[in-house]
Amino acid sequence: MRREPTEPEKRLWAKLSRSQLSGYKFRRQSVIGPFIVDFLCPQKALIVEVDGDMHRAEEDKARDTTLNALGYRIIRIANHDVMQNIEGVCAAIFGALQQAPDRWASPHPNPSPEGEGLLEDQDS
């Protein structure tokens, strides 16, 4: 999926990449435990999932419960919304970012994809 993202994922990534959304850094296709999430803001522990027509509500509910237990907040955005109202989608994501507490006191300069070093930074 990383090499061939859907059109809505491409469009949203164009808005989230390079810290374009108010300076928040996002990663695409991040691995968290046994899951791969569409987009992750590590500083805020916010996951953005883009849901297509093949959305599986029961599987997503169990997955979200596990990710919530790990300290992540998940917001789901429909493909249609990305394609028809990208600015509204970005505003919703920005609102979620503003509501979420920081995971560390200041933005982490360059956290590793596996999250190594986060515990040491929190203890400092």
PDB file of N, CA and C in Angstrom:
ATOM      1  N   MET A   1       0.819  -1.199   0.000  1.00  0.00           N
ATOM      2  CA  MET A   1       0.000   0.000   0.000  1.00  0.00           C
ATOM      3  C   MET A   1       0.863   1.264   0.000  1.00  0.00           C
ATOM      4  N   ARG A   2       2.027   1.225   0.630  1.00  0.00           N
ATOM      5  CA  ARG A   2       2.844   2.426   0.701  1.00  0.00           C
ATOM      6  C   ARG A   2       3.285   2.883  -0.680  1.00  0.00           C
ATOM      7  N   ARG A   3       3.594   1.923  -1.540  1.00  0.00           N
ATOM      8  CA  ARG A   3       4.055   2.287  -2.876  1.00  0.00           C
ATOM      9  C   ARG A   3       2.921   2.680  -3.797  1.00  0.00           C
ATOM     10  N   GLU A   4       1.711   2.248  -3.473  1.00  0.00           N
ATOM     11  CA  GLU A   4       0.564   2.573  -4.306  1.00  0.00           C
ATOM     12  C   GLU A   4      -0.595   3.076  -3.441  1.00  0.00           C
ATOM     13  N   PRO A   5      -0.452   4.284  -2.883  1.00  0.00           N
ATOM     14  CA  PRO A   5      -1.551   4.818  -2.058  1.00  0.00           C
ATOM     15  C   PRO A   5      -2.758   5.139  -2.934  1.00  0.00           C
ATOM     16  N   THR A   6      -3.911   5.192  -2.298  1.00  0.00           N
ATOM     17  CA  THR A   6      -5.127   5.566  -3.013  1.00  0.00           C
ATOM     18  C   THR A   6      -5.070   7.059  -3.335  1.00  0.00           C
ATOM     19  N   GLU A   7      -5.911   7.494  -4.230  1.00  0.00           N
ATOM     20  CA  GLU A   7      -5.945   8.921  -4.586  1.00  0.00           C
ATOM     21  C   GLU A   7      -6.281   9.792  -3.374  1.00  0.00           C
ATOM     22  N   PRO A   8      -7.270   9.431  -2.544  1.00  0.00           N
ATOM     23  CA  PRO A   8      -7.518  10.251  -1.346  1.00  0.00           C
ATOM     24  C   PRO A   8      -6.296  10.299  -0.414  1.00  0.00           C
ATOM     25  N   GLU A   9      -5.585   9.189  -0.264  1.00  0.00           N
ATOM     26  CA  GLU A   9      -4.383   9.198   0.578  1.00  0.00           C
ATOM     27  C   GLU A   9      -3.319  10.114  -0.011  1.00  0.00           C
ATOM     28  N   LYS A  10      -3.150  10.087  -1.318  1.00  0.00           N
ATOM     29  CA  LYS A  10      -2.178  10.982  -1.971  1.00  0.00           C
ATOM     30  C   LYS A  10      -2.539  12.441  -1.715  1.00  0.00           C
ATOM     31  N   ARG A  11      -3.817  12.758  -1.871  1.00  0.00           N
ATOM     32  CA  ARG A  11      -4.256  14.150  -1.692  1.00  0.00           C
ATOM     33  C   ARG A  11      -4.077  14.616  -0.251  1.00  0.00           C
ATOM     34  N   LEU A  12      -4.413  13.747   0.690  1.00  0.00           N
ATOM     35  CA  LEU A  12      -4.249  14.141   2.088  1.00  0.00           C
ATOM     36  C   LEU A  12      -2.775  14.247   2.452  1.00  0.00           C
ATOM     37  N   TRP A  13      -1.959  13.331   1.962  1.00  0.00           N
ATOM     38  CA  TRP A  13      -0.525  13.385   2.245  1.00  0.00           C
ATOM     39  C   TRP A  13       0.084  14.674   1.690  1.00  0.00           C
ATOM     40  N   ALA A  14      -0.418  15.136   0.558  1.00  0.00           N
ATOM     41  CA  ALA A  14       0.077  16.396  -0.010  1.00  0.00           C
ATOM     42  C   ALA A  14      -0.164  17.566   0.942  1.00  0.00           C
ATOM     43  N   LYS A  15      -1.176  17.461   1.790  1.00  0.00           N
ATOM     44  CA  LYS A  15      -1.480  18.521   2.769  1.00  0.00           C
ATOM     45  C   LYS A  15      -0.769  18.308   4.110  1.00  0.00           C
ATOM     46  N   LEU A  16      -0.468  17.050   4.449  1.00  0.00           N
ATOM     47  CA  LEU A  16       0.121  16.745   5.758  1.00  0.00           C
ATOM     48  C   LEU A  16       1.646  16.659   5.735  1.00  0.00           C
ATOM     49  N   SER A  17       2.221  16.334   4.595  1.00  0.00           N
ATOM     50  CA  SER A  17       3.672  16.127   4.517  1.00  0.00           C
ATOM     51  C   SER A  17       4.423  17.446   4.710  1.00  0.00           C
ATOM     52  N   ARG A  18       5.678  17.318   5.035  1.00  0.00           N
ATOM     53  CA  ARG A  18       6.575  18.462   5.207  1.00  0.00           C
ATOM     54  C   ARG A  18       6.051  19.481   6.235  1.00  0.00           C
ATOM     55  N   SER A  19       5.378  18.978   7.260  1.00  0.00           N
ATOM     56  CA  SER A  19       4.898  19.810   8.376  1.00  0.00           C
ATOM     57  C   SER A  19       4.043  20.985   7.906  1.00  0.00           C
ATOM     58  N   GLN A  20       3.278  20.775   6.828  1.00  0.00           N
ATOM     59  CA  GLN A  20       2.486  21.864   6.256  1.00  0.00           C
ATOM     60  C   GLN A  20       1.272  22.245   7.094  1.00  0.00           C
ATOM     61  N   LEU A  21       0.783  21.321   7.904  1.00  0.00           N
ATOM     62  CA  LEU A  21      -0.406  21.613   8.708  1.00  0.00           C
ATOM     63  C   LEU A  21       0.037  22.227  10.036  1.00  0.00           C
ATOM     64  N   SER A  22       0.212  23.539  10.040  1.00  0.00           N
ATOM     65  CA  SER A  22       0.593  24.311  11.240  1.00  0.00           C
ATOM     66  C   SER A  22       1.849  23.795  11.922  1.00  0.00           C
ATOM     67  N   GLY A  23       2.748  23.219  11.152  1.00  0.00           N
ATOM     68  CA  GLY A  23       4.027  22.772  11.687  1.00  0.00           C
ATOM     69  C   GLY A  23       4.019  21.383  12.299  1.00  0.00           C
ATOM     70  N   TYR A  24       2.900  20.697  12.287  1.00  0.00           N
ATOM     71  CA  TYR A  24       2.841  19.353  12.847  1.00  0.00           C
ATOM     72  C   TYR A  24       3.436  18.351  11.871  1.00  0.00           C
ATOM     73  N   LYS A  25       4.299  17.495  12.397  1.00  0.00           N
ATOM     74  CA  LYS A  25       4.942  16.474  11.577  1.00  0.00           C
ATOM     75  C   LYS A  25       4.066  15.219  11.537  1.00  0.00           C
ATOM     76  N   PHE A  26       3.873  14.694  10.341  1.00  0.00           N
ATOM     77  CA  PHE A  26       3.131  13.453  10.148  1.00  0.00           C
ATOM     78  C   PHE A  26       4.020  12.440   9.455  1.00  0.00           C
ATOM     79  N   ARG A  27       3.737  11.188   9.738  1.00  0.00           N
ATOM     80  CA  ARG A  27       4.353  10.063   9.025  1.00  0.00           C
ATOM     81  C   ARG A  27       3.251   9.321   8.292  1.00  0.00           C
ATOM     82  N   ARG A  28       3.620   8.732   7.182  1.00  0.00           N
ATOM     83  CA  ARG A  28       2.667   7.957   6.382  1.00  0.00           C
ATOM     84  C   ARG A  28       2.973   6.483   6.553  1.00  0.00           C
ATOM     85  N   GLN A  29       1.939   5.659   6.661  1.00  0.00           N
ATOM     86  CA  GLN A  29       2.064   4.206   6.766  1.00  0.00           C
ATOM     87  C   GLN A  29       2.996   3.808   7.923  1.00  0.00           C
ATOM     88  N   SER A  30       2.697   4.276   9.097  1.00  0.00           N
ATOM     89  CA  SER A  30       3.485   3.971  10.288  1.00  0.00           C
ATOM     90  C   SER A  30       3.047   2.655  10.911  1.00  0.00           C
ATOM     91  N   VAL A  31       4.021   1.922  11.400  1.00  0.00           N
ATOM     92  CA  VAL A  31       3.756   0.656  12.077  1.00  0.00           C
ATOM     93  C   VAL A  31       3.614   0.924  13.572  1.00  0.00           C
ATOM     94  N   ILE A  32       2.494   0.485  14.129  1.00  0.00           N
ATOM     95  CA  ILE A  32       2.248   0.562  15.571  1.00  0.00           C
ATOM     96  C   ILE A  32       1.785  -0.819  15.988  1.00  0.00           C
ATOM     97  N   GLY A  33       2.633  -1.522  16.724  1.00  0.00           N
ATOM     98  CA  GLY A  33       2.310  -2.903  17.100  1.00  0.00           C
ATOM     99  C   GLY A  33       2.056  -3.721  15.851  1.00  0.00           C
ATOM    100  N   PRO A  34       0.947  -4.445  15.809  1.00  0.00           N
ATOM    101  CA  PRO A  34       0.660  -5.275  14.638  1.00  0.00           C
ATOM    102  C   PRO A  34      -0.058  -4.519  13.509  1.00  0.00           C
ATOM    103  N   PHE A  35      -0.229  -3.210  13.681  1.00  0.00           N
ATOM    104  CA  PHE A  35      -1.021  -2.434  12.736  1.00  0.00           C
ATOM    105  C   PHE A  35      -0.170  -1.477  11.903  1.00  0.00           C
ATOM    106  N   ILE A  36      -0.667  -1.145  10.732  1.00  0.00           N
ATOM    107  CA  ILE A  36      -0.104  -0.076   9.912  1.00  0.00           C
ATOM    108  C   ILE A  36      -1.191   0.978   9.805  1.00  0.00           C
ATOM    109  N   VAL A  37      -0.866   2.193  10.246  1.00  0.00           N
ATOM    110  CA  VAL A  37      -1.840   3.279  10.215  1.00  0.00           C
ATOM    111  C   VAL A  37      -1.542   4.185   9.030  1.00  0.00           C
ATOM    112  N   ASP A  38      -2.581   4.826   8.508  1.00  0.00           N
ATOM    113  CA  ASP A  38      -2.404   5.674   7.327  1.00  0.00           C
ATOM    114  C   ASP A  38      -1.480   6.852   7.617  1.00  0.00           C
ATOM    115  N   PHE A  39      -1.816   7.647   8.630  1.00  0.00           N
ATOM    116  CA  PHE A  39      -1.025   8.827   8.971  1.00  0.00           C
ATOM    117  C   PHE A  39      -0.923   8.935  10.487  1.00  0.00           C
ATOM    118  N   LEU A  40       0.253   9.351  10.963  1.00  0.00           N
ATOM    119  CA  LEU A  40       0.495   9.466  12.401  1.00  0.00           C
ATOM    120  C   LEU A  40       1.216  10.764  12.693  1.00  0.00           C
ATOM    121  N   CYS A  41       0.698  11.517  13.664  1.00  0.00           N
ATOM    122  CA  CYS A  41       1.416  12.657  14.227  1.00  0.00           C
ATOM    123  C   CYS A  41       1.988  12.165  15.554  1.00  0.00           C
ATOM    124  N   PRO A  42       3.285  11.843  15.588  1.00  0.00           N
ATOM    125  CA  PRO A  42       3.860  11.268  16.810  1.00  0.00           C
ATOM    126  C   PRO A  42       3.794  12.198  18.017  1.00  0.00           C
ATOM    127  N   GLN A  43       3.978  13.500  17.814  1.00  0.00           N
ATOM    128  CA  GLN A  43       3.968  14.444  18.931  1.00  0.00           C
ATOM    129  C   GLN A  43       2.637  14.428  19.670  1.00  0.00           C
ATOM    130  N   LYS A  44       1.549  14.230  18.948  1.00  0.00           N
ATOM    131  CA  LYS A  44       0.218  14.271  19.534  1.00  0.00           C
ATOM    132  C   LYS A  44      -0.418  12.883  19.681  1.00  0.00           C
ATOM    133  N   ALA A  45       0.277  11.835  19.240  1.00  0.00           N
ATOM    134  CA  ALA A  45      -0.264  10.470  19.269  1.00  0.00           C
ATOM    135  C   ALA A  45      -1.614  10.415  18.560  1.00  0.00           C
ATOM    136  N   LEU A  46      -1.706  11.145  17.438  1.00  0.00           N
ATOM    137  CA  LEU A  46      -2.936  11.213  16.667  1.00  0.00           C
ATOM    138  C   LEU A  46      -2.782  10.429  15.373  1.00  0.00           C
ATOM    139  N   ILE A  47      -3.701   9.512  15.169  1.00  0.00           N
ATOM    140  CA  ILE A  47      -3.738   8.691  13.962  1.00  0.00           C
ATOM    141  C   ILE A  47      -4.885   9.177  13.094  1.00  0.00           C
ATOM    142  N   VAL A  48      -4.608   9.353  11.804  1.00  0.00           N
ATOM    143  CA  VAL A  48      -5.647   9.714  10.836  1.00  0.00           C
ATOM    144  C   VAL A  48      -5.783   8.552   9.868  1.00  0.00           C
ATOM    145  N   GLU A  49      -6.975   7.980   9.823  1.00  0.00           N
ATOM    146  CA  GLU A  49      -7.269   6.875   8.914  1.00  0.00           C
ATOM    147  C   GLU A  49      -8.200   7.366   7.819  1.00  0.00           C
ATOM    148  N   VAL A  50      -7.867   7.041   6.580  1.00  0.00           N
ATOM    149  CA  VAL A  50      -8.717   7.383   5.439  1.00  0.00           C
ATOM    150  C   VAL A  50      -9.486   6.127   5.065  1.00  0.00           C
ATOM    151  N   ASP A  51     -10.796   6.185   5.200  1.00  0.00           N
ATOM    152  CA  ASP A  51     -11.643   5.018   4.989  1.00  0.00           C
ATOM    153  C   ASP A  51     -12.300   5.058   3.622  1.00  0.00           C
ATOM    154  N   GLY A  52     -12.158   3.957   2.905  1.00  0.00           N
ATOM    155  CA  GLY A  52     -12.750   3.833   1.583  1.00  0.00           C
ATOM    156  C   GLY A  52     -14.057   3.075   1.607  1.00  0.00           C
ATOM    157  N   ASP A  53     -14.481   2.655   0.442  1.00  0.00           N
ATOM    158  CA  ASP A  53     -15.741   1.932   0.295  1.00  0.00           C
ATOM    159  C   ASP A  53     -15.721   0.574   0.978  1.00  0.00           C
ATOM    160  N   MET A  54     -14.550  -0.019   1.135  1.00  0.00           N
ATOM    161  CA  MET A  54     -14.419  -1.353   1.724  1.00  0.00           C
ATOM    162  C   MET A  54     -14.232  -1.277   3.243  1.00  0.00           C
ATOM    163  N   HIS A  55     -14.745  -0.241   3.864  1.00  0.00           N
ATOM    164  CA  HIS A  55     -14.614  -0.009   5.303  1.00  0.00           C
ATOM    165  C   HIS A  55     -15.230  -1.170   6.080  1.00  0.00           C
ATOM    166  N   ARG A  56     -14.485  -1.697   7.059  1.00  0.00           N
ATOM    167  CA  ARG A  56     -14.943  -2.816   7.892  1.00  0.00           C
ATOM    168  C   ARG A  56     -15.090  -2.328   9.328  1.00  0.00           C
ATOM    169  N   ALA A  57     -16.293  -1.925   9.673  1.00  0.00           N
ATOM    170  CA  ALA A  57     -16.545  -1.269  10.955  1.00  0.00           C
ATOM    171  C   ALA A  57     -16.170  -2.128  12.153  1.00  0.00           C
ATOM    172  N   GLU A  58     -16.513  -3.400  12.153  1.00  0.00           N
ATOM    173  CA  GLU A  58     -16.220  -4.258  13.311  1.00  0.00           C
ATOM    174  C   GLU A  58     -14.716  -4.449  13.494  1.00  0.00           C
ATOM    175  N   GLU A  59     -13.992  -4.695  12.414  1.00  0.00           N
ATOM    176  CA  GLU A  59     -12.535  -4.841  12.504  1.00  0.00           C
ATOM    177  C   GLU A  59     -11.894  -3.534  12.964  1.00  0.00           C
ATOM    178  N   ASP A  60     -12.382  -2.410  12.420  1.00  0.00           N
ATOM    179  CA  ASP A  60     -11.839  -1.110  12.795  1.00  0.00           C
ATOM    180  C   ASP A  60     -12.094  -0.806  14.270  1.00  0.00           C
ATOM    181  N   LYS A  61     -13.250  -1.198  14.776  1.00  0.00           N
ATOM    182  CA  LYS A  61     -13.579  -0.943  16.179  1.00  0.00           C
ATOM    183  C   LYS A  61     -12.598  -1.665  17.097  1.00  0.00           C
ATOM    184  N   ALA A  62     -12.315  -2.930  16.808  1.00  0.00           N
ATOM    185  CA  ALA A  62     -11.365  -3.700  17.623  1.00  0.00           C
ATOM    186  C   ALA A  62      -9.962  -3.116  17.517  1.00  0.00           C
ATOM    187  N   ARG A  63      -9.581  -2.737  16.315  1.00  0.00           N
ATOM    188  CA  ARG A  63      -8.267  -2.140  16.076  1.00  0.00           C
ATOM    189  C   ARG A  63      -8.147  -0.812  16.829  1.00  0.00           C
ATOM    190  N   ASP A  64      -9.174   0.029  16.731  1.00  0.00           N
ATOM    191  CA  ASP A  64      -9.167   1.315  17.415  1.00  0.00           C
ATOM    192  C   ASP A  64      -9.094   1.145  18.930  1.00  0.00           C
ATOM    193  N   THR A  65      -9.793   0.150  19.462  1.00  0.00           N
ATOM    194  CA  THR A  65      -9.750  -0.113  20.904  1.00  0.00           C
ATOM    195  C   THR A  65      -8.327  -0.431  21.346  1.00  0.00           C
ATOM    196  N   THR A  66      -7.636  -1.261  20.575  1.00  0.00           N
ATOM    197  CA  THR A  66      -6.253  -1.611  20.896  1.00  0.00           C
ATOM    198  C   THR A  66      -5.342  -0.390  20.807  1.00  0.00           C
ATOM    199  N   LEU A  67      -5.485   0.385  19.744  1.00  0.00           N
ATOM    200  CA  LEU A  67      -4.646   1.577  19.588  1.00  0.00           C
ATOM    201  C   LEU A  67      -4.948   2.612  20.663  1.00  0.00           C
ATOM    202  N   ASN A  68      -6.216   2.768  21.042  1.00  0.00           N
ATOM    203  CA  ASN A  68      -6.571   3.676  22.142  1.00  0.00           C
ATOM    204  C   ASN A  68      -5.906   3.237  23.443  1.00  0.00           C
ATOM    205  N   ALA A  69      -5.887   1.937  23.688  1.00  0.00           N
ATOM    206  CA  ALA A  69      -5.257   1.404  24.901  1.00  0.00           C
ATOM    207  C   ALA A  69      -3.756   1.682  24.920  1.00  0.00           C
ATOM    208  N   LEU A  70      -3.163   1.823  23.747  1.00  0.00           N
ATOM    209  CA  LEU A  70      -1.741   2.155  23.642  1.00  0.00           C
ATOM    210  C   LEU A  70      -1.488   3.663  23.738  1.00  0.00           C
ATOM    211  N   GLY A  71      -2.565   4.444  23.882  1.00  0.00           N
ATOM    212  CA  GLY A  71      -2.427   5.885  24.054  1.00  0.00           C
ATOM    213  C   GLY A  71      -2.646   6.718  22.802  1.00  0.00           C
ATOM    214  N   TYR A  72      -3.137   6.116  21.756  1.00  0.00           N
ATOM    215  CA  TYR A  72      -3.369   6.842  20.505  1.00  0.00           C
ATOM    216  C   TYR A  72      -4.825   7.241  20.366  1.00  0.00           C
ATOM    217  N   ARG A  73      -5.039   8.388  19.745  1.00  0.00           N
ATOM    218  CA  ARG A  73      -6.383   8.822  19.377  1.00  0.00           C
ATOM    219  C   ARG A  73      -6.510   8.654  17.871  1.00  0.00           C
ATOM    220  N   ILE A  74      -7.643   8.147  17.421  1.00  0.00           N
ATOM    221  CA  ILE A  74      -7.846   7.874  16.003  1.00  0.00           C
ATOM    222  C   ILE A  74      -8.998   8.720  15.489  1.00  0.00           C
ATOM    223  N   ILE A  75      -8.765   9.376  14.355  1.00  0.00           N
ATOM    224  CA  ILE A  75      -9.877  10.011  13.663  1.00  0.00           C
ATOM    225  C   ILE A  75      -9.971   9.376  12.280  1.00  0.00           C
ATOM    226  N   ARG A  76     -11.187   9.155  11.861  1.00  0.00           N
ATOM    227  CA  ARG A  76     -11.447   8.508  10.568  1.00  0.00           C
ATOM    228  C   ARG A  76     -12.069   9.520   9.618  1.00  0.00           C
ATOM    229  N   ILE A  77     -11.523   9.548   8.421  1.00  0.00           N
ATOM    230  CA  ILE A  77     -11.974  10.462   7.390  1.00  0.00           C
ATOM    231  C   ILE A  77     -12.407   9.629   6.186  1.00  0.00           C
ATOM    232  N   ALA A  78     -13.559   9.916   5.641  1.00  0.00           N
ATOM    233  CA  ALA A  78     -14.048   9.188   4.470  1.00  0.00           C
ATOM    234  C   ALA A  78     -13.338   9.665   3.203  1.00  0.00           C
ATOM    235  N   ASN A  79     -13.098   8.725   2.296  1.00  0.00           N
ATOM    236  CA  ASN A  79     -12.510   9.063   0.995  1.00  0.00           C
ATOM    237  C   ASN A  79     -13.240  10.235   0.351  1.00  0.00           C
ATOM    238  N   HIS A  80     -14.566  10.152   0.376  1.00  0.00           N
ATOM    239  CA  HIS A  80     -15.398  11.176  -0.251  1.00  0.00           C
ATOM    240  C   HIS A  80     -15.077  12.566   0.308  1.00  0.00           C
ATOM    241  N   ASP A  81     -14.910  12.653   1.625  1.00  0.00           N
ATOM    242  CA  ASP A  81     -14.614  13.943   2.246  1.00  0.00           C
ATOM    243  C   ASP A  81     -13.263  14.485   1.789  1.00  0.00           C
ATOM    244  N   VAL A  82     -12.264  13.604   1.687  1.00  0.00           N
ATOM    245  CA  VAL A  82     -10.949  14.034   1.216  1.00  0.00           C
ATOM    246  C   VAL A  82     -11.053  14.570  -0.211  1.00  0.00           C
ATOM    247  N   MET A  83     -11.802  13.868  -1.040  1.00  0.00           N
ATOM    248  CA  MET A  83     -11.900  14.239  -2.455  1.00  0.00           C
ATOM    249  C   MET A  83     -12.754  15.492  -2.668  1.00  0.00           C
ATOM    250  N   GLN A  84     -13.759  15.698  -1.831  1.00  0.00           N
ATOM    251  CA  GLN A  84     -14.697  16.804  -2.052  1.00  0.00           C
ATOM    252  C   GLN A  84     -14.455  18.020  -1.157  1.00  0.00           C
ATOM    253  N   ASN A  85     -13.758  17.820  -0.023  1.00  0.00           N
ATOM    254  CA  ASN A  85     -13.634  18.919   0.939  1.00  0.00           C
ATOM    255  C   ASN A  85     -12.310  18.808   1.699  1.00  0.00           C
ATOM    256  N   ILE A  86     -11.204  18.850   0.988  1.00  0.00           N
ATOM    257  CA  ILE A  86      -9.892  18.656   1.611  1.00  0.00           C
ATOM    258  C   ILE A  86      -9.598  19.737   2.665  1.00  0.00           C
ATOM    259  N   GLU A  87     -10.048  20.966   2.429  1.00  0.00           N
ATOM    260  CA  GLU A  87      -9.798  22.025   3.409  1.00  0.00           C
ATOM    261  C   GLU A  87     -10.580  21.769   4.699  1.00  0.00           C
ATOM    262  N   GLY A  88     -11.798  21.279   4.574  1.00  0.00           N
ATOM    263  CA  GLY A  88     -12.579  20.920   5.755  1.00  0.00           C
ATOM    264  C   GLY A  88     -11.951  19.768   6.518  1.00  0.00           C
ATOM    265  N   VAL A  89     -11.406  18.793   5.788  1.00  0.00           N
ATOM    266  CA  VAL A  89     -10.710  17.658   6.403  1.00  0.00           C
ATOM    267  C   VAL A  89      -9.491  18.164   7.171  1.00  0.00           C
ATOM    268  N   CYS A  90      -8.726  19.057   6.552  1.00  0.00           N
ATOM    269  CA  CYS A  90      -7.541  19.604   7.227  1.00  0.00           C
ATOM    270  C   CYS A  90      -7.933  20.384   8.481  1.00  0.00           C
ATOM    271  N   ALA A  91      -9.028  21.117   8.409  1.00  0.00           N
ATOM    272  CA  ALA A  91      -9.500  21.858   9.582  1.00  0.00           C
ATOM    273  C   ALA A  91      -9.896  20.903  10.708  1.00  0.00           C
ATOM    274  N   ALA A  92     -10.542  19.790  10.366  1.00  0.00           N
ATOM    275  CA  ALA A  92     -10.929  18.800  11.374  1.00  0.00           C
ATOM    276  C   ALA A  92      -9.690  18.162  12.007  1.00  0.00           C
ATOM    277  N   ILE A  93      -8.701  17.854  11.191  1.00  0.00           N
ATOM    278  CA  ILE A  93      -7.453  17.270  11.713  1.00  0.00           C
ATOM    279  C   ILE A  93      -6.749  18.279  12.615  1.00  0.00           C
ATOM    280  N   PHE A  94      -6.690  19.534  12.176  1.00  0.00           N
ATOM    281  CA  PHE A  94      -6.059  20.574  12.984  1.00  0.00           C
ATOM    282  C   PHE A  94      -6.773  20.733  14.328  1.00  0.00           C
ATOM    283  N   GLY A  95      -8.097  20.687  14.310  1.00  0.00           N
ATOM    284  CA  GLY A  95      -8.857  20.763  15.564  1.00  0.00           C
ATOM    285  C   GLY A  95      -8.519  19.617  16.506  1.00  0.00           C
ATOM    286  N   ALA A  96      -8.384  18.415  15.947  1.00  0.00           N
ATOM    287  CA  ALA A  96      -8.014  17.249  16.766  1.00  0.00           C
ATOM    288  C   ALA A  96      -6.602  17.411  17.325  1.00  0.00           C
ATOM    289  N   LEU A  97      -5.702  17.961  16.533  1.00  0.00           N
ATOM    290  CA  LEU A  97      -4.325  18.192  16.995  1.00  0.00           C
ATOM    291  C   LEU A  97      -4.309  19.187  18.152  1.00  0.00           C
ATOM    292  N   GLN A  98      -5.103  20.240  18.047  1.00  0.00           N
ATOM    293  CA  GLN A  98      -5.141  21.250  19.103  1.00  0.00           C
ATOM    294  C   GLN A  98      -5.706  20.685  20.410  1.00  0.00           C
ATOM    295  N   GLN A  99      -6.631  19.753  20.317  1.00  0.00           N
ATOM    296  CA  GLN A  99      -7.240  19.162  21.510  1.00  0.00           C
ATOM    297  C   GLN A  99      -6.342  18.112  22.163  1.00  0.00           C
ATOM    298  N   ALA A 100      -5.457  17.508  21.401  1.00  0.00           N
ATOM    299  CA  ALA A 100      -4.632  16.419  21.922  1.00  0.00           C
ATOM    300  C   ALA A 100      -3.448  16.970  22.714  1.00  0.00           C
ATOM    301  N   PRO A 101      -3.152  16.355  23.853  1.00  0.00           N
ATOM    302  CA  PRO A 101      -1.978  16.792  24.611  1.00  0.00           C
ATOM    303  C   PRO A 101      -0.694  16.345  23.912  1.00  0.00           C
ATOM    304  N   ASP A 102       0.381  17.086  24.150  1.00  0.00           N
ATOM    305  CA  ASP A 102       1.681  16.680  23.625  1.00  0.00           C
ATOM    306  C   ASP A 102       2.174  15.453  24.367  1.00  0.00           C
ATOM    307  N   ARG A 103       2.862  14.582  23.654  1.00  0.00           N
ATOM    308  CA  ARG A 103       3.447  13.392  24.282  1.00  0.00           C
ATOM    309  C   ARG A 103       4.763  13.726  24.958  1.00  0.00           C
ATOM    310  N   TRP A 104       5.389  14.824  24.587  1.00  0.00           N
ATOM    311  CA  TRP A 104       6.627  15.269  25.211  1.00  0.00           C
ATOM    312  C   TRP A 104       6.591  16.784  25.288  1.00  0.00           C
ATOM    313  N   ALA A 105       7.456  17.358  26.133  1.00  0.00           N
ATOM    314  CA  ALA A 105       7.394  18.788  26.444  1.00  0.00           C
ATOM    315  C   ALA A 105       7.612  19.684  25.226  1.00  0.00           C
ATOM    316  N   SER A 106       8.515  19.316  24.338  1.00  0.00           N
ATOM    317  CA  SER A 106       8.756  20.107  23.134  1.00  0.00           C
ATOM    318  C   SER A 106       8.809  19.149  21.957  1.00  0.00           C
ATOM    319  N   PRO A 107       8.619  19.648  20.759  1.00  0.00           N
ATOM    320  CA  PRO A 107       8.647  18.736  19.614  1.00  0.00           C
ATOM    321  C   PRO A 107       9.939  17.934  19.567  1.00  0.00           C
ATOM    322  N   HIS A 108       9.797  16.654  19.392  1.00  0.00           N
ATOM    323  CA  HIS A 108      10.963  15.781  19.298  1.00  0.00           C
ATOM    324  C   HIS A 108      11.691  16.105  18.003  1.00  0.00           C
ATOM    325  N   PRO A 109      13.012  16.299  18.048  1.00  0.00           N
ATOM    326  CA  PRO A 109      13.728  16.742  16.853  1.00  0.00           C
ATOM    327  C   PRO A 109      13.663  15.753  15.691  1.00  0.00           C
ATOM    328  N   ASN A 110      13.730  14.471  15.966  1.00  0.00           N
ATOM    329  CA  ASN A 110      13.691  13.489  14.891  1.00  0.00           C
ATOM    330  C   ASN A 110      13.482  12.097  15.466  1.00  0.00           C
ATOM    331  N   PRO A 111      12.264  11.805  15.954  1.00  0.00           N
ATOM    332  CA  PRO A 111      12.052  10.491  16.559  1.00  0.00           C
ATOM    333  C   PRO A 111      12.159   9.390  15.517  1.00  0.00           C
ATOM    334  N   SER A 112      12.665   8.265  15.951  1.00  0.00           N
ATOM    335  CA  SER A 112      12.796   7.136  15.036  1.00  0.00           C
ATOM    336  C   SER A 112      11.418   6.551  14.735  1.00  0.00           C
ATOM    337  N   PRO A 113      11.275   5.862  13.607  1.00  0.00           N
ATOM    338  CA  PRO A 113       9.981   5.266  13.261  1.00  0.00           C
ATOM    339  C   PRO A 113       9.481   4.282  14.311  1.00  0.00           C
ATOM    340  N   GLU A 114      10.385   3.643  15.033  1.00  0.00           N
ATOM    341  CA  GLU A 114       9.985   2.662  16.033  1.00  0.00           C
ATOM    342  C   GLU A 114       9.699   3.306  17.379  1.00  0.00           C
ATOM    343  N   GLY A 115       9.917   4.629  17.481  1.00  0.00           N
ATOM    344  CA  GLY A 115       9.659   5.325  18.731  1.00  0.00           C
ATOM    345  C   GLY A 115      10.800   5.225  19.727  1.00  0.00           C
ATOM    346  N   GLU A 116      11.951   4.732  19.305  1.00  0.00           N
ATOM    347  CA  GLU A 116      13.093   4.627  20.199  1.00  0.00           C
ATOM    348  C   GLU A 116      13.474   6.020  20.677  1.00  0.00           C
ATOM    349  N   GLY A 117      13.821   6.115  21.928  1.00  0.00           N
ATOM    350  CA  GLY A 117      14.248   7.381  22.482  1.00  0.00           C
ATOM    351  C   GLY A 117      13.116   8.191  23.102  1.00  0.00           C
ATOM    352  N   LEU A 118      11.869   7.802  22.863  1.00  0.00           N
ATOM    353  CA  LEU A 118      10.781   8.589  23.421  1.00  0.00           C
ATOM    354  C   LEU A 118      10.743   8.509  24.933  1.00  0.00           C
ATOM    355  N   LEU A 119      10.990   7.329  25.492  1.00  0.00           N
ATOM    356  CA  LEU A 119      10.944   7.186  26.947  1.00  0.00           C
ATOM    357  C   LEU A 119      12.043   7.999  27.600  1.00  0.00           C
ATOM    358  N   GLU A 120      13.229   7.999  27.017  1.00  0.00           N
ATOM    359  CA  GLU A 120      14.317   8.788  27.594  1.00  0.00           C
ATOM    360  C   GLU A 120      13.976  10.267  27.564  1.00  0.00           C
ATOM    361  N   ASP A 121      13.348  10.739  26.473  1.00  0.00           N
ATOM    362  CA  ASP A 121      12.999  12.142  26.355  1.00  0.00           C
ATOM    363  C   ASP A 121      11.939  12.545  27.380  1.00  0.00           C
ATOM    364  N   GLN A 122      11.016  11.650  27.672  1.00  0.00           N
ATOM    365  CA  GLN A 122       9.954  11.963  28.618  1.00  0.00           C
ATOM    366  C   GLN A 122      10.502  12.044  30.033  1.00  0.00           C
ATOM    367  N   ASP A 123      11.552  11.299  30.331  1.00  0.00           N
ATOM    368  CA  ASP A 123      12.131  11.292  31.669  1.00  0.00           C
ATOM    369  C   ASP A 123      12.997  12.516  31.907  1.00  0.00           C
ATOM    370  N   SER A 124      13.420  13.199  30.848  1.00  0.00           N
ATOM    371  CA  SER A 124      14.336  14.343  30.978  1.00  0.00           C
ATOM    372  C   SER A 124      13.645  15.557  31.542  1.00  0.00           C
TER     373      SER A 124
END
